[in-house]
C-alpha cells in the first residue's frame, strides 16, 4: 500500500472539519449504508467463537480468515463502549485488514452485542482480567503470528491495558494500535456533561437499553426501576458501582481503569496511539500529559473528532490507513 500522510497532515474537506460532524458520521447509519458491501464481506467470512476467559467467564467473538496464505498476522479488534463486533467502524476496519492480508478476530465485551446472556454479572470498564483471558484464548486457538490488538475509544483503553499485562499473561503480543483511547475517565465524563447534549444522550439511550436487557435475562439479580434508569450518567454510574461492584465509590472505579499520567510507562509492547486535537469526548490535554516509553508513539491529528477521521465524502476513515501502516511498520521491525 502507498504510505499514508502523517496524522499531522490529515486535512479533510473544509465542510467535514467540524469535530461533531466527524464524530457523528463515524458511527452513522449513512456511513453504514455506504459501506454495507464491505460489512457483508466480513460477516460472510466470519465464524462465531465462544472464548474461555477464566473464572467461568465466556466472551463472544468472530474469526475471519484472509485469502492471503499465510496471513500477515492476526489482529484482535476491540470496539468502544456500547458498540459491538457488528459496529460499522469495526466491520469497516476489519474488511480493510482482511484486504491487506490479516486475519481478524472481532471481540465483543461482556454485555455488548447480543451477549448479555453469557455472564450473570454486569459489564464495567474495570473487567480487564476477562479481556486478557479472551486475548490469551485467541492466541492459543490460532497460530497466526504476529498477534496485534486494535482498539477504538474504550476499546483502545482496553487494548493498551492488555498490552501492559500481556508479557505476564503469556500472550505473544507484537503490538497495539489505539484510536482515541479513553485516558482519564473523570475528564471524559466532565466533557460529556459540559459538551453538546447529543453525546450524553446517545450513550445513555444505548446503555439503558442494555441494562433493561440484562434485567429481563436475570430478573432475580437485577431490578432497575424506571426512576433509577432515568438518572443521568454520573449518578447512574455511581449507583451501579455502589450496588454491584467492589469499588465502593465513583472515584475508585474511575481510577481502576484510568491510564493517565505515567500508567503506560511500563508498557513493553510496541504501541501506536492516534487521536485528534478536536476530540469532543477525550480531552487532548490528557494525551499531552502521558508519560510514554520510547516504543509507544503518540500522533495527534488536527481534525478527526472522536474516532472519526473521515477523509472525504465516501466516508472512509483515515484511521484505517493509520492502522494498516503501523501494522506494516511493526511487521518490518
Protein backbone atom coordinates (compact mmCIF):
# COMPACT_ATOMS: atom_id res chain seq x y z
CA UNK A 1 0.00 0.00 0.00
CA UNK A 2 1.06 3.60 -0.51
CA UNK A 3 2.26 5.18 2.69
CA UNK A 4 -0.47 7.50 4.04
CA UNK A 5 0.37 11.06 5.05
CA UNK A 6 1.30 11.56 8.70
CA UNK A 7 -1.59 12.37 11.06
CA UNK A 8 -0.33 15.93 11.40
CA UNK A 9 -1.16 16.41 7.69
CA UNK A 10 -4.68 14.97 7.87
CA UNK A 11 -6.89 17.62 6.26
CA UNK A 12 -10.44 16.59 5.34
CA UNK A 13 -12.53 18.88 3.10
CA UNK A 14 -13.45 22.07 4.90
CA UNK A 15 -17.10 21.07 5.31
CA UNK A 16 -16.01 17.86 7.04
CA UNK A 17 -13.72 19.52 9.58
CA UNK A 18 -16.37 20.08 12.23
CA UNK A 19 -15.48 17.73 15.13
CA UNK A 20 -19.11 16.94 15.94
CA UNK A 21 -19.87 16.05 12.32
CA UNK A 22 -16.77 13.84 12.27
CA UNK A 23 -17.84 12.10 15.49
CA UNK A 24 -21.44 11.56 14.40
CA UNK A 25 -20.51 10.33 10.92
CA UNK A 26 -18.11 7.76 12.39
CA UNK A 27 -20.98 5.58 13.66
CA UNK A 28 -23.78 6.90 11.47
CA UNK A 29 -26.40 4.90 9.60
CA UNK A 30 -25.38 6.77 6.45
CA UNK A 31 -21.82 5.51 6.68
CA UNK A 32 -23.07 2.00 7.40
CA UNK A 33 -25.29 2.17 4.31
CA UNK A 34 -22.47 3.40 2.07
CA UNK A 35 -20.13 0.65 3.30
CA UNK A 36 -22.65 -2.17 3.51
CA UNK A 37 -20.86 -4.23 0.84
CA UNK A 38 -17.66 -4.12 2.91
CA UNK A 39 -19.52 -5.17 6.04
CA UNK A 40 -21.23 -8.07 4.28
CA UNK A 41 -17.88 -9.39 3.12
CA UNK A 42 -16.60 -9.54 6.69
CA UNK A 43 -19.75 -11.11 8.12
CA UNK A 44 -19.89 -13.73 5.35
CA UNK A 45 -16.36 -14.86 6.20
CA UNK A 46 -16.73 -14.79 10.00
CA UNK A 47 -17.17 -17.76 12.31
CA UNK A 48 -18.61 -17.27 15.81
CA UNK A 49 -16.37 -18.37 18.68
CA UNK A 50 -17.08 -18.54 22.43
CA UNK A 51 -13.91 -17.88 24.36
CA UNK A 52 -12.90 -19.29 27.74
CA UNK A 53 -11.70 -16.22 29.64
CA UNK A 54 -11.11 -17.90 33.02
CA UNK A 55 -13.21 -17.95 36.21
CA UNK A 56 -16.21 -19.23 34.25
CA UNK A 57 -16.44 -16.10 32.07
CA UNK A 58 -17.30 -16.52 28.40
CA UNK A 59 -16.97 -13.85 25.74
CA UNK A 60 -18.12 -14.00 22.15
CA UNK A 61 -16.02 -13.20 19.12
CA UNK A 62 -15.88 -13.68 15.36
CA UNK A 63 -12.87 -15.00 13.46
CA UNK A 64 -12.40 -14.21 9.77
CA UNK A 65 -9.54 -15.51 7.65
CA UNK A 66 -7.95 -13.52 4.85
CA UNK A 67 -7.47 -15.08 1.44
CA UNK A 68 -3.75 -14.36 1.76
CA UNK A 69 -1.99 -17.50 2.98
CA UNK A 70 -0.01 -17.40 5.07
CA UNK A 71 -1.57 -14.28 6.58
CA UNK A 72 0.45 -11.26 7.62
CA UNK A 73 -0.78 -11.89 11.17
CA UNK A 74 -3.89 -11.80 13.33
CA UNK A 75 -5.50 -8.59 14.60
CA UNK A 76 -7.94 -8.64 17.52
CA UNK A 77 -10.29 -5.65 17.13
CA UNK A 78 -11.93 -4.11 20.21
CA UNK A 79 -15.00 -1.87 19.92
CA UNK A 80 -15.94 1.12 22.08
CA UNK A 81 -18.45 1.42 24.91
CA UNK A 82 -21.94 0.31 23.83
CA UNK A 83 -20.56 -0.61 20.42
CA UNK A 84 -20.08 -4.20 19.34
CA UNK A 85 -18.29 -6.53 16.97
CA UNK A 86 -21.06 -5.58 14.49
CA UNK A 87 -20.46 -1.83 14.73
CA UNK A 88 -19.88 -0.24 11.35
CA UNK A 89 -16.42 1.10 12.19
CA UNK A 90 -15.35 -2.36 13.44
CA UNK A 91 -16.62 -4.09 10.30
CA UNK A 92 -15.04 -1.42 8.11
CA UNK A 93 -11.57 -1.70 9.60
CA UNK A 94 -11.90 -5.50 9.65
CA UNK A 95 -12.62 -5.56 5.91
CA UNK A 96 -9.59 -3.37 5.29
CA UNK A 97 -7.40 -5.68 7.38
CA UNK A 98 -8.65 -8.76 5.51
CA UNK A 99 -7.92 -6.98 2.24
CA UNK A 100 -4.38 -6.21 3.42
CA UNK A 101 -3.71 -9.85 4.28
CA UNK A 102 -4.50 -10.08 8.00
CA UNK A 103 -6.80 -12.49 9.74
CA UNK A 104 -9.21 -10.68 12.09
CA UNK A 105 -10.87 -11.53 15.38
CA UNK A 106 -13.69 -9.17 16.42
CA UNK A 107 -14.28 -9.45 20.17
CA UNK A 108 -17.46 -8.49 22.00
CA UNK A 109 -17.03 -7.22 25.54
CA UNK A 110 -19.38 -8.60 28.17
CA UNK A 111 -22.97 -7.34 27.69
CA UNK A 112 -22.20 -5.89 24.24
CA UNK A 113 -23.80 -7.09 21.07
CA UNK A 114 -26.21 -9.97 21.77
CA UNK A 115 -24.16 -11.43 24.63
CA UNK A 116 -25.98 -10.37 27.79
CA UNK A 117 -26.98 -13.98 28.48
CA UNK A 118 -23.42 -15.31 28.63
CA UNK A 119 -22.48 -13.94 32.06
CA UNK A 120 -24.61 -13.10 35.09
CA UNK A 121 -22.64 -10.11 36.37
CA UNK A 122 -22.91 -6.79 34.52
CA UNK A 123 -20.19 -5.20 32.42
CA UNK A 124 -17.98 -2.46 33.78
CA UNK A 125 -14.76 -0.98 32.46
CA UNK A 126 -12.50 -2.48 35.12
CA UNK A 127 -13.11 -6.03 33.84
CA UNK A 128 -9.65 -6.20 32.33
CA UNK A 129 -8.86 -9.75 33.52
CA UNK A 130 -11.50 -11.32 31.31
CA UNK A 131 -10.35 -9.38 28.26
CA UNK A 132 -6.77 -10.51 28.92
CA UNK A 133 -8.17 -14.03 29.21
CA UNK A 134 -10.03 -13.66 25.93
CA UNK A 135 -6.93 -12.48 24.05
CA UNK A 136 -4.93 -15.32 25.61
CA UNK A 137 -7.52 -17.83 24.40
CA UNK A 138 -7.43 -16.29 20.91
CA UNK A 139 -3.63 -16.59 20.86
CA UNK A 140 -3.87 -20.28 21.82
CA UNK A 141 -6.57 -21.13 19.27
CA UNK A 142 -4.95 -19.54 16.24
CA UNK A 143 -1.34 -19.95 15.19
CA UNK A 144 -1.09 -16.79 13.11
CA UNK A 145 1.74 -14.52 14.11
CA UNK A 146 2.33 -11.72 14.73
CA UNK A 147 -0.64 -11.07 17.03
CA UNK A 148 -1.84 -7.46 17.31
CA UNK A 149 -4.58 -5.56 19.14
CA UNK A 150 -6.53 -2.66 17.65
CA UNK A 151 -9.00 -0.73 19.79
CA UNK A 152 -11.28 2.27 19.46
CA UNK A 153 -12.25 4.61 22.32
CA UNK A 154 -12.88 2.41 25.38
CA UNK A 155 -11.60 -0.48 23.26
CA UNK A 156 -8.36 1.45 22.81
CA UNK A 157 -8.11 1.80 26.59
CA UNK A 158 -8.63 -1.96 26.98
CA UNK A 159 -6.08 -2.69 24.23
CA UNK A 160 -3.39 -0.65 25.98
CA UNK A 161 -4.16 -2.27 29.34
CA UNK A 162 -3.99 -5.73 27.77
CA UNK A 163 -0.65 -4.69 26.33
CA UNK A 164 0.58 -3.83 29.82
CA UNK A 165 -0.40 -7.28 31.08
CA UNK A 166 0.47 -9.37 28.02
CA UNK A 167 4.03 -10.43 29.00
CA UNK A 168 2.96 -11.66 32.45
CA UNK A 169 -0.10 -13.40 30.94
CA UNK A 170 2.00 -15.29 28.41
CA UNK A 171 0.42 -13.55 25.42
CA UNK A 172 2.85 -13.19 22.48
CA UNK A 173 1.58 -9.73 21.57
CA UNK A 174 3.51 -7.97 18.84
CA UNK A 175 1.86 -4.58 19.11
CA UNK A 176 -1.13 -2.38 19.89
CA UNK A 177 -2.85 0.37 17.92
CA UNK A 178 -5.30 2.54 19.88
CA UNK A 179 -7.57 5.11 18.23
CA UNK A 180 -8.87 7.86 20.53
CA UNK A 181 -8.44 5.66 23.62
CA UNK A 182 -10.17 6.66 26.85
CA UNK A 183 -7.43 8.07 29.08
CA UNK A 184 -8.80 9.58 32.31
CA UNK A 185 -12.49 8.76 32.97
CA UNK A 186 -13.32 11.78 35.20
CA UNK A 187 -12.29 14.12 32.41
CA UNK A 188 -14.33 12.17 29.84
CA UNK A 189 -17.45 12.33 31.98
CA UNK A 190 -16.96 16.05 32.54
CA UNK A 191 -16.51 16.60 28.78
CA UNK A 192 -19.80 14.82 28.06
CA UNK A 193 -21.60 16.75 30.78
CA UNK A 194 -20.34 20.12 29.54
CA UNK A 195 -20.39 19.41 25.80
CA UNK A 196 -23.28 19.05 23.35
CA UNK A 197 -26.07 17.02 24.88
CA UNK A 198 -26.14 14.58 21.97
CA UNK A 199 -23.14 12.57 23.25
CA UNK A 200 -24.52 12.08 26.74
CA UNK A 201 -27.98 11.21 25.44
CA UNK A 202 -26.66 8.86 22.73
CA UNK A 203 -24.68 6.75 25.17
CA UNK A 204 -27.40 6.82 27.81
CA UNK A 205 -30.02 5.60 25.32
CA UNK A 206 -27.88 2.60 24.42
CA UNK A 207 -26.75 1.93 27.99
CA UNK A 208 -30.29 1.98 29.40
CA UNK A 209 -31.42 -0.47 26.70
CA UNK A 210 -28.51 -2.73 27.63
CA UNK A 211 -29.40 -2.64 31.34
CA UNK A 212 -33.05 -3.43 30.58
CA UNK A 213 -31.96 -6.44 28.54
CA UNK A 214 -29.78 -7.64 31.41
CA UNK A 215 -32.70 -7.26 33.82
CA UNK A 216 -35.01 -9.30 31.57
CA UNK A 217 -32.46 -12.12 31.40
CA UNK A 218 -31.62 -12.12 35.12
CA UNK A 219 -34.72 -10.79 36.94
CA UNK A 220 -33.61 -12.37 40.22
CA UNK A 221 -30.36 -10.37 40.16
CA UNK A 222 -31.38 -7.00 38.75
CA UNK A 223 -34.41 -4.82 39.39
CA UNK A 224 -33.82 -1.46 37.71
CA UNK A 225 -36.83 0.72 38.42
CA UNK A 226 -37.67 3.44 35.85
CA UNK A 227 -36.56 6.26 38.16
CA UNK A 228 -33.19 4.53 38.63
CA UNK A 229 -32.64 4.11 34.89
CA UNK A 230 -33.69 7.71 34.36
CA UNK A 231 -30.70 9.04 36.30
CA UNK A 232 -28.05 10.97 34.33
CA UNK A 233 -24.75 9.26 33.53
CA UNK A 234 -22.78 10.34 36.61
CA UNK A 235 -25.45 9.35 39.10
CA UNK A 236 -26.36 6.08 37.37
CA UNK A 237 -22.72 5.03 37.17
CA UNK A 238 -22.19 5.81 40.85
CA UNK A 239 -25.28 3.85 41.88
CA UNK A 240 -24.36 0.79 39.79
CA UNK A 241 -20.80 0.81 41.12
CA UNK A 242 -22.06 1.00 44.70
CA UNK A 243 -24.63 -1.77 44.21
CA UNK A 244 -22.82 -4.27 42.01
CA UNK A 245 -19.04 -3.87 42.31
CA UNK A 246 -16.37 -3.91 44.96
CA UNK A 247 -15.11 -0.40 44.15
CA UNK A 248 -17.34 1.46 46.56
CA UNK A 249 -17.04 4.91 45.01
CA UNK A 250 -17.03 6.54 41.60
CA UNK A 251 -13.50 7.85 42.15
CA UNK A 252 -12.15 4.39 42.97
CA UNK A 253 -13.87 2.89 39.94
CA UNK A 254 -12.57 5.55 37.57
CA UNK A 255 -9.08 5.12 38.98
CA UNK A 256 -9.36 1.38 38.27
CA UNK A 257 -9.29 1.80 34.50
CA UNK A 258 -7.57 5.15 34.05
CA UNK A 259 -4.33 5.09 32.04
CA UNK A 260 -3.42 8.75 32.59
CA UNK A 261 -0.05 10.21 33.55
CA UNK A 262 2.67 7.59 33.93
CA UNK A 263 0.46 4.49 33.89
CA UNK A 264 1.59 3.44 30.42
CA UNK A 265 5.27 3.94 31.23
CA UNK A 266 5.71 0.20 31.87
CA UNK A 267 4.18 -0.78 28.51
CA UNK A 268 6.78 -3.10 26.99
CA UNK A 269 4.82 -3.89 23.82
CA UNK A 270 5.24 -1.54 20.83
CA UNK A 271 2.15 0.64 20.53
CA UNK A 272 0.80 3.49 18.43
CA UNK A 273 -1.84 5.93 19.65
CA UNK A 274 -3.87 8.12 17.29
CA UNK A 275 -6.11 10.93 18.48
CA UNK A 276 -7.35 14.29 17.28
CA UNK A 277 -6.85 17.73 18.70
CA UNK A 278 -10.60 18.40 18.44
CA UNK A 279 -11.95 15.20 20.01
CA UNK A 280 -15.07 16.37 21.92
CA UNK A 281 -15.11 13.34 24.25
CA UNK A 282 -11.48 12.51 25.11
CA UNK A 283 -9.67 15.77 26.01
CA UNK A 284 -6.44 16.21 24.06
CA UNK A 285 -4.72 17.54 27.19
CA UNK A 286 -4.89 14.03 28.67
CA UNK A 287 -2.81 12.72 25.76
CA UNK A 288 -0.26 15.50 26.04
CA UNK A 289 0.21 14.66 29.72
CA UNK A 290 1.00 10.99 29.06
CA UNK A 291 4.44 9.72 30.05
CA UNK A 292 5.22 7.13 27.39
CA UNK A 293 8.16 4.76 26.87
CA UNK A 294 10.19 5.05 23.63
CA UNK A 295 8.37 2.19 21.87
CA UNK A 296 4.98 3.92 22.20
CA UNK A 297 4.19 6.65 19.67
CA UNK A 298 1.54 9.33 20.01
CA UNK A 299 0.12 11.10 16.97
CA UNK A 300 -2.33 14.00 17.29
CA UNK A 301 -4.17 14.97 14.11
CA UNK A 302 -5.58 18.49 13.84
CA UNK A 303 -9.01 17.14 12.84
CA UNK A 304 -10.96 13.93 13.25
CA UNK A 305 -13.38 14.34 16.16
CA UNK A 306 -13.91 11.19 18.22
CA UNK A 307 -12.86 8.11 16.21
CA UNK A 308 -13.94 9.83 13.00
CA UNK A 309 -11.01 10.85 10.79
CA UNK A 310 -13.43 10.93 7.85
CA UNK A 311 -11.24 11.92 4.93
CA UNK A 312 -13.74 12.54 2.13
CA UNK A 313 -17.37 12.17 1.08
CA UNK A 314 -17.01 8.40 0.64
CA UNK A 315 -16.87 8.46 4.47
CA UNK A 316 -13.71 6.35 4.54
CA UNK A 317 -11.65 6.81 7.69
CA UNK A 318 -8.00 7.78 7.78
CA UNK A 319 -7.79 5.69 10.97
CA UNK A 320 -7.86 2.58 8.76
CA UNK A 321 -4.84 3.85 6.80
CA UNK A 322 -3.03 4.67 10.04
CA UNK A 323 -3.72 1.23 11.50
CA UNK A 324 -2.58 -0.68 8.42
CA UNK A 325 0.55 1.44 8.06
CA UNK A 326 1.53 0.91 11.70
CA UNK A 327 0.97 -2.86 11.42
CA UNK A 328 3.15 -2.95 8.31
CA UNK A 329 5.85 -0.97 10.12
CA UNK A 330 5.72 -3.39 13.06
CA UNK A 331 6.00 -6.30 10.60
CA UNK A 332 9.12 -4.81 9.05
CA UNK A 333 10.57 -4.31 12.54
